[in-house]
């Protein structure tokens, strides 16, 4: 069971609010949920994660429209863009909080093109009471195995969460 602090609960509430807005938006239907948050919400991991990762399965020419639609979603929710990648749709967002020095950021990351070997399935998320298209468990596991190598090649380091996730998937 995941035990949350009050700051974690606020973060999780914003994460869920944002995910519901993305899942419910018909213009964003080509975004398929993946990563640690997707795995936790599907019951495959027992740890908390605070970013939303998606594969984009639409046309390359539509990626800028996706970026703009996401910006509308952020604005409608009152989220501020703290940082944004110019190369890929990746956003670091700030949500309002009453506490000084409290966690107040979320990350949204879109992978395009999605790896051809990724498989997806509809999963009921009780956390947000929605059916969400996300990577299937074998794809999640395979991507975790690749992530540890990619992270080491790019940064020369490992992330403990990747080791934990791989162990948990095994």
C-alpha atoms as a PDB file:
ATOM      1  CA  UNK A   1       0.000   0.000   0.000  1.00  0.00           C
ATOM      2  CA  UNK A   2       1.233   3.485  -0.886  1.00  0.00           C
ATOM      3  CA  UNK A   3       1.127   5.874   2.097  1.00  0.00           C
ATOM      4  CA  UNK A   4       0.958   9.546   1.130  1.00  0.00           C
ATOM      5  CA  UNK A   5       1.970  12.640   3.040  1.00  0.00           C
ATOM      6  CA  UNK A   6      -0.326  15.659   2.779  1.00  0.00           C
ATOM      7  CA  UNK A   7       2.036  17.202   0.185  1.00  0.00           C
ATOM      8  CA  UNK A   8       2.007  13.936  -1.786  1.00  0.00           C
ATOM      9  CA  UNK A   9      -1.803  13.864  -1.635  1.00  0.00           C
ATOM     10  CA  UNK A  10      -2.008  17.389  -3.092  1.00  0.00           C
ATOM     11  CA  UNK A  11       0.427  16.421  -5.843  1.00  0.00           C
ATOM     12  CA  UNK A  12      -1.512  13.218  -6.576  1.00  0.00           C
ATOM     13  CA  UNK A  13      -4.791  15.168  -6.753  1.00  0.00           C
ATOM     14  CA  UNK A  14      -3.286  17.514  -9.357  1.00  0.00           C
ATOM     15  CA  UNK A  15      -1.834  14.553 -11.241  1.00  0.00           C
ATOM     16  CA  UNK A  16      -5.241  12.856 -11.366  1.00  0.00           C
ATOM     17  CA  UNK A  17      -7.000  16.083 -12.348  1.00  0.00           C
ATOM     18  CA  UNK A  18      -4.564  16.562 -15.220  1.00  0.00           C
ATOM     19  CA  UNK A  19      -4.779  12.929 -16.342  1.00  0.00           C
ATOM     20  CA  UNK A  20      -8.591  13.025 -16.394  1.00  0.00           C
ATOM     21  CA  UNK A  21      -8.487  16.194 -18.517  1.00  0.00           C
ATOM     22  CA  UNK A  22      -6.113  14.557 -20.986  1.00  0.00           C
ATOM     23  CA  UNK A  23      -8.004  11.248 -21.139  1.00  0.00           C
ATOM     24  CA  UNK A  24     -11.361  13.010 -21.594  1.00  0.00           C
ATOM     25  CA  UNK A  25     -10.086  15.298 -24.372  1.00  0.00           C
ATOM     26  CA  UNK A  26     -11.028  13.838 -27.773  1.00  0.00           C
ATOM     27  CA  UNK A  27      -8.294  15.851 -29.493  1.00  0.00           C
ATOM     28  CA  UNK A  28      -5.733  13.955 -27.401  1.00  0.00           C
ATOM     29  CA  UNK A  29      -7.057  10.452 -28.118  1.00  0.00           C
ATOM     30  CA  UNK A  30      -3.770   9.409 -29.770  1.00  0.00           C
ATOM     31  CA  UNK A  31      -1.881   9.745 -26.473  1.00  0.00           C
ATOM     32  CA  UNK A  32      -1.392   6.332 -24.863  1.00  0.00           C
ATOM     33  CA  UNK A  33      -0.462   6.262 -21.180  1.00  0.00           C
ATOM     34  CA  UNK A  34       2.800   4.621 -20.081  1.00  0.00           C
ATOM     35  CA  UNK A  35       5.506   4.729 -17.438  1.00  0.00           C
ATOM     36  CA  UNK A  36       5.568   4.421 -13.670  1.00  0.00           C
ATOM     37  CA  UNK A  37       2.312   6.263 -13.034  1.00  0.00           C
ATOM     38  CA  UNK A  38       0.484   4.109 -15.586  1.00  0.00           C
ATOM     39  CA  UNK A  39       1.996   0.946 -14.093  1.00  0.00           C
ATOM     40  CA  UNK A  40       1.004   1.978 -10.550  1.00  0.00           C
ATOM     41  CA  UNK A  41      -2.538   2.906 -11.594  1.00  0.00           C
ATOM     42  CA  UNK A  42      -2.910  -0.434 -13.414  1.00  0.00           C
ATOM     43  CA  UNK A  43      -1.815  -2.258 -10.263  1.00  0.00           C
ATOM     44  CA  UNK A  44       1.569  -3.388 -11.636  1.00  0.00           C
ATOM     45  CA  UNK A  45       3.728  -1.290  -9.264  1.00  0.00           C
ATOM     46  CA  UNK A  46       3.367  -0.425  -5.619  1.00  0.00           C
ATOM     47  CA  UNK A  47       5.175   2.904  -5.648  1.00  0.00           C
ATOM     48  CA  UNK A  48       4.074   6.449  -6.299  1.00  0.00           C
ATOM     49  CA  UNK A  49       5.139   8.410  -9.375  1.00  0.00           C
ATOM     50  CA  UNK A  50       4.526  12.064 -10.199  1.00  0.00           C
ATOM     51  CA  UNK A  51       4.863  12.342 -13.935  1.00  0.00           C
ATOM     52  CA  UNK A  52       2.583  11.539 -16.817  1.00  0.00           C
ATOM     53  CA  UNK A  53       4.250   9.788 -19.734  1.00  0.00           C
ATOM     54  CA  UNK A  54       2.560   9.059 -23.037  1.00  0.00           C
ATOM     55  CA  UNK A  55       3.330   7.532 -26.408  1.00  0.00           C
ATOM     56  CA  UNK A  56       1.883   9.514 -29.312  1.00  0.00           C
ATOM     57  CA  UNK A  57       0.458   7.239 -32.001  1.00  0.00           C
ATOM     58  CA  UNK A  58      -0.851   9.886 -34.373  1.00  0.00           C
ATOM     59  CA  UNK A  59       0.563  11.515 -37.472  1.00  0.00           C
ATOM     60  CA  UNK A  60       3.840  13.443 -37.263  1.00  0.00           C
ATOM     61  CA  UNK A  61       2.191  16.544 -38.717  1.00  0.00           C
ATOM     62  CA  UNK A  62      -0.281  16.646 -35.815  1.00  0.00           C
ATOM     63  CA  UNK A  63       2.322  16.820 -33.044  1.00  0.00           C
ATOM     64  CA  UNK A  64       2.228  20.625 -32.883  1.00  0.00           C
ATOM     65  CA  UNK A  65      -1.575  20.544 -32.577  1.00  0.00           C
ATOM     66  CA  UNK A  66      -1.159  18.084 -29.693  1.00  0.00           C
ATOM     67  CA  UNK A  67       1.309  20.460 -28.029  1.00  0.00           C
ATOM     68  CA  UNK A  68      -1.134  23.366 -28.363  1.00  0.00           C
ATOM     69  CA  UNK A  69      -4.079  21.305 -27.092  1.00  0.00           C
ATOM     70  CA  UNK A  70      -2.062  20.268 -24.047  1.00  0.00           C
ATOM     71  CA  UNK A  71      -1.280  23.928 -23.367  1.00  0.00           C
ATOM     72  CA  UNK A  72      -5.026  24.666 -23.415  1.00  0.00           C
ATOM     73  CA  UNK A  73      -5.630  21.850 -20.928  1.00  0.00           C
ATOM     74  CA  UNK A  74      -2.908  23.220 -18.641  1.00  0.00           C
ATOM     75  CA  UNK A  75      -4.328  26.731 -18.814  1.00  0.00           C
ATOM     76  CA  UNK A  76      -7.901  25.555 -18.149  1.00  0.00           C
ATOM     77  CA  UNK A  77      -6.686  23.749 -15.020  1.00  0.00           C
ATOM     78  CA  UNK A  78      -4.695  26.747 -13.784  1.00  0.00           C
ATOM     79  CA  UNK A  79      -1.335  25.037 -14.288  1.00  0.00           C
ATOM     80  CA  UNK A  80       1.634  27.204 -15.236  1.00  0.00           C
ATOM     81  CA  UNK A  81       4.307  25.989 -17.627  1.00  0.00           C
ATOM     82  CA  UNK A  82       7.571  26.219 -15.697  1.00  0.00           C
ATOM     83  CA  UNK A  83       9.693  24.770 -18.516  1.00  0.00           C
ATOM     84  CA  UNK A  84       9.046  23.294 -21.945  1.00  0.00           C
ATOM     85  CA  UNK A  85      11.238  21.429 -24.406  1.00  0.00           C
ATOM     86  CA  UNK A  86      11.500  22.948 -27.855  1.00  0.00           C
ATOM     87  CA  UNK A  87      12.362  19.574 -29.414  1.00  0.00           C
ATOM     88  CA  UNK A  88       9.680  17.262 -28.051  1.00  0.00           C
ATOM     89  CA  UNK A  89       6.397  17.766 -26.210  1.00  0.00           C
ATOM     90  CA  UNK A  90       7.726  17.780 -22.660  1.00  0.00           C
ATOM     91  CA  UNK A  91       6.419  20.108 -19.984  1.00  0.00           C
ATOM     92  CA  UNK A  92       7.281  20.874 -16.384  1.00  0.00           C
ATOM     93  CA  UNK A  93       4.182  22.333 -14.772  1.00  0.00           C
ATOM     94  CA  UNK A  94       3.570  24.241 -11.553  1.00  0.00           C
ATOM     95  CA  UNK A  95       0.333  23.843  -9.643  1.00  0.00           C
ATOM     96  CA  UNK A  96      -0.854  26.261  -6.942  1.00  0.00           C
ATOM     97  CA  UNK A  97       0.004  25.468  -3.337  1.00  0.00           C
ATOM     98  CA  UNK A  98      -0.401  27.381  -0.096  1.00  0.00           C
ATOM     99  CA  UNK A  99       2.822  26.116   1.447  1.00  0.00           C
ATOM    100  CA  UNK A 100       6.225  27.687   0.906  1.00  0.00           C
ATOM    101  CA  UNK A 101       8.905  25.315  -0.413  1.00  0.00           C
ATOM    102  CA  UNK A 102       6.328  22.560  -0.931  1.00  0.00           C
ATOM    103  CA  UNK A 103       6.448  20.283  -3.955  1.00  0.00           C
ATOM    104  CA  UNK A 104       4.419  21.932  -6.693  1.00  0.00           C
ATOM    105  CA  UNK A 105       5.560  20.459 -10.000  1.00  0.00           C
ATOM    106  CA  UNK A 106       4.407  17.778 -12.410  1.00  0.00           C
ATOM    107  CA  UNK A 107       6.029  16.555 -15.602  1.00  0.00           C
ATOM    108  CA  UNK A 108       4.244  15.583 -18.813  1.00  0.00           C
ATOM    109  CA  UNK A 109       6.333  13.802 -21.430  1.00  0.00           C
ATOM    110  CA  UNK A 110       5.268  12.641 -24.906  1.00  0.00           C
ATOM    111  CA  UNK A 111       7.322  10.113 -26.901  1.00  0.00           C
ATOM    112  CA  UNK A 112       7.075  10.364 -30.674  1.00  0.00           C
ATOM    113  CA  UNK A 113       7.396   8.222 -32.600  1.00  0.00           C
ATOM    114  CA  UNK A 114       6.386   5.427 -30.280  1.00  0.00           C
ATOM    115  CA  UNK A 115       8.451   2.248 -30.573  1.00  0.00           C
ATOM    116  CA  UNK A 116       6.755  -0.096 -33.031  1.00  0.00           C
ATOM    117  CA  UNK A 117       7.029  -3.050 -30.645  1.00  0.00           C
ATOM    118  CA  UNK A 118       4.967  -1.353 -27.911  1.00  0.00           C
ATOM    119  CA  UNK A 119       1.593  -2.986 -27.252  1.00  0.00           C
ATOM    120  CA  UNK A 120      -1.394  -1.291 -25.637  1.00  0.00           C
ATOM    121  CA  UNK A 121      -4.598  -2.285 -23.907  1.00  0.00           C
ATOM    122  CA  UNK A 122      -7.618  -0.651 -22.337  1.00  0.00           C
ATOM    123  CA  UNK A 123      -7.299  -0.629 -18.546  1.00  0.00           C
ATOM    124  CA  UNK A 124      -9.843   0.481 -15.980  1.00  0.00           C
ATOM    125  CA  UNK A 125      -8.248   2.939 -13.590  1.00  0.00           C
ATOM    126  CA  UNK A 126     -10.180   2.995 -10.339  1.00  0.00           C
ATOM    127  CA  UNK A 127      -8.071   5.980  -9.264  1.00  0.00           C
ATOM    128  CA  UNK A 128      -9.710   8.217 -11.878  1.00  0.00           C
ATOM    129  CA  UNK A 129     -12.758   6.094 -12.746  1.00  0.00           C
ATOM    130  CA  UNK A 130     -11.865   5.942 -16.432  1.00  0.00           C
ATOM    131  CA  UNK A 131     -10.884   3.432 -19.059  1.00  0.00           C
ATOM    132  CA  UNK A 132      -7.380   4.412 -20.186  1.00  0.00           C
ATOM    133  CA  UNK A 133      -5.422   3.070 -23.131  1.00  0.00           C
ATOM    134  CA  UNK A 134      -1.968   2.260 -21.815  1.00  0.00           C
ATOM    135  CA  UNK A 135       0.976   0.017 -22.455  1.00  0.00           C
ATOM    136  CA  UNK A 136       0.342  -3.615 -21.584  1.00  0.00           C
ATOM    137  CA  UNK A 137       2.342  -5.109 -18.726  1.00  0.00           C
ATOM    138  CA  UNK A 138       4.874  -6.884 -20.951  1.00  0.00           C
ATOM    139  CA  UNK A 139       5.610  -3.611 -22.773  1.00  0.00           C
ATOM    140  CA  UNK A 140       5.953  -1.762 -19.458  1.00  0.00           C
ATOM    141  CA  UNK A 141       8.406  -4.382 -18.228  1.00  0.00           C
ATOM    142  CA  UNK A 142      10.424  -4.373 -21.463  1.00  0.00           C
ATOM    143  CA  UNK A 143      10.628  -0.577 -21.410  1.00  0.00           C
ATOM    144  CA  UNK A 144      11.862  -0.629 -17.791  1.00  0.00           C
ATOM    145  CA  UNK A 145      14.650  -3.018 -18.837  1.00  0.00           C
ATOM    146  CA  UNK A 146      15.626  -0.660 -21.666  1.00  0.00           C
ATOM    147  CA  UNK A 147      15.337   2.453 -19.451  1.00  0.00           C
ATOM    148  CA  UNK A 148      18.108   1.344 -17.143  1.00  0.00           C
ATOM    149  CA  UNK A 149      20.510   0.965 -20.076  1.00  0.00           C
ATOM    150  CA  UNK A 150      19.416   4.196 -21.770  1.00  0.00           C
ATOM    151  CA  UNK A 151      19.777   6.188 -18.552  1.00  0.00           C
ATOM    152  CA  UNK A 152      23.286   4.826 -17.986  1.00  0.00           C
ATOM    153  CA  UNK A 153      24.352   5.599 -21.568  1.00  0.00           C
ATOM    154  CA  UNK A 154      22.913   9.149 -21.430  1.00  0.00           C
ATOM    155  CA  UNK A 155      23.812  10.132 -17.867  1.00  0.00           C
ATOM    156  CA  UNK A 156      26.375   7.607 -16.647  1.00  0.00           C
ATOM    157  CA  UNK A 157      24.149   6.758 -13.705  1.00  0.00           C
ATOM    158  CA  UNK A 158      21.296   4.531 -12.643  1.00  0.00           C
ATOM    159  CA  UNK A 159      17.964   5.424 -11.055  1.00  0.00           C
ATOM    160  CA  UNK A 160      16.967   3.394  -8.046  1.00  0.00           C
ATOM    161  CA  UNK A 161      13.345   3.437  -9.175  1.00  0.00           C
ATOM    162  CA  UNK A 162      14.285   1.554 -12.351  1.00  0.00           C
ATOM    163  CA  UNK A 163      15.980  -1.196 -10.323  1.00  0.00           C
ATOM    164  CA  UNK A 164      13.018  -1.334  -7.936  1.00  0.00           C
ATOM    165  CA  UNK A 165      10.518  -1.484 -10.808  1.00  0.00           C
ATOM    166  CA  UNK A 166      12.429  -4.256 -12.600  1.00  0.00           C
ATOM    167  CA  UNK A 167      12.576  -6.278  -9.392  1.00  0.00           C
ATOM    168  CA  UNK A 168       8.857  -5.704  -8.819  1.00  0.00           C
ATOM    169  CA  UNK A 169       7.946  -6.718 -12.384  1.00  0.00           C
ATOM    170  CA  UNK A 170       9.990  -9.911 -12.028  1.00  0.00           C
END
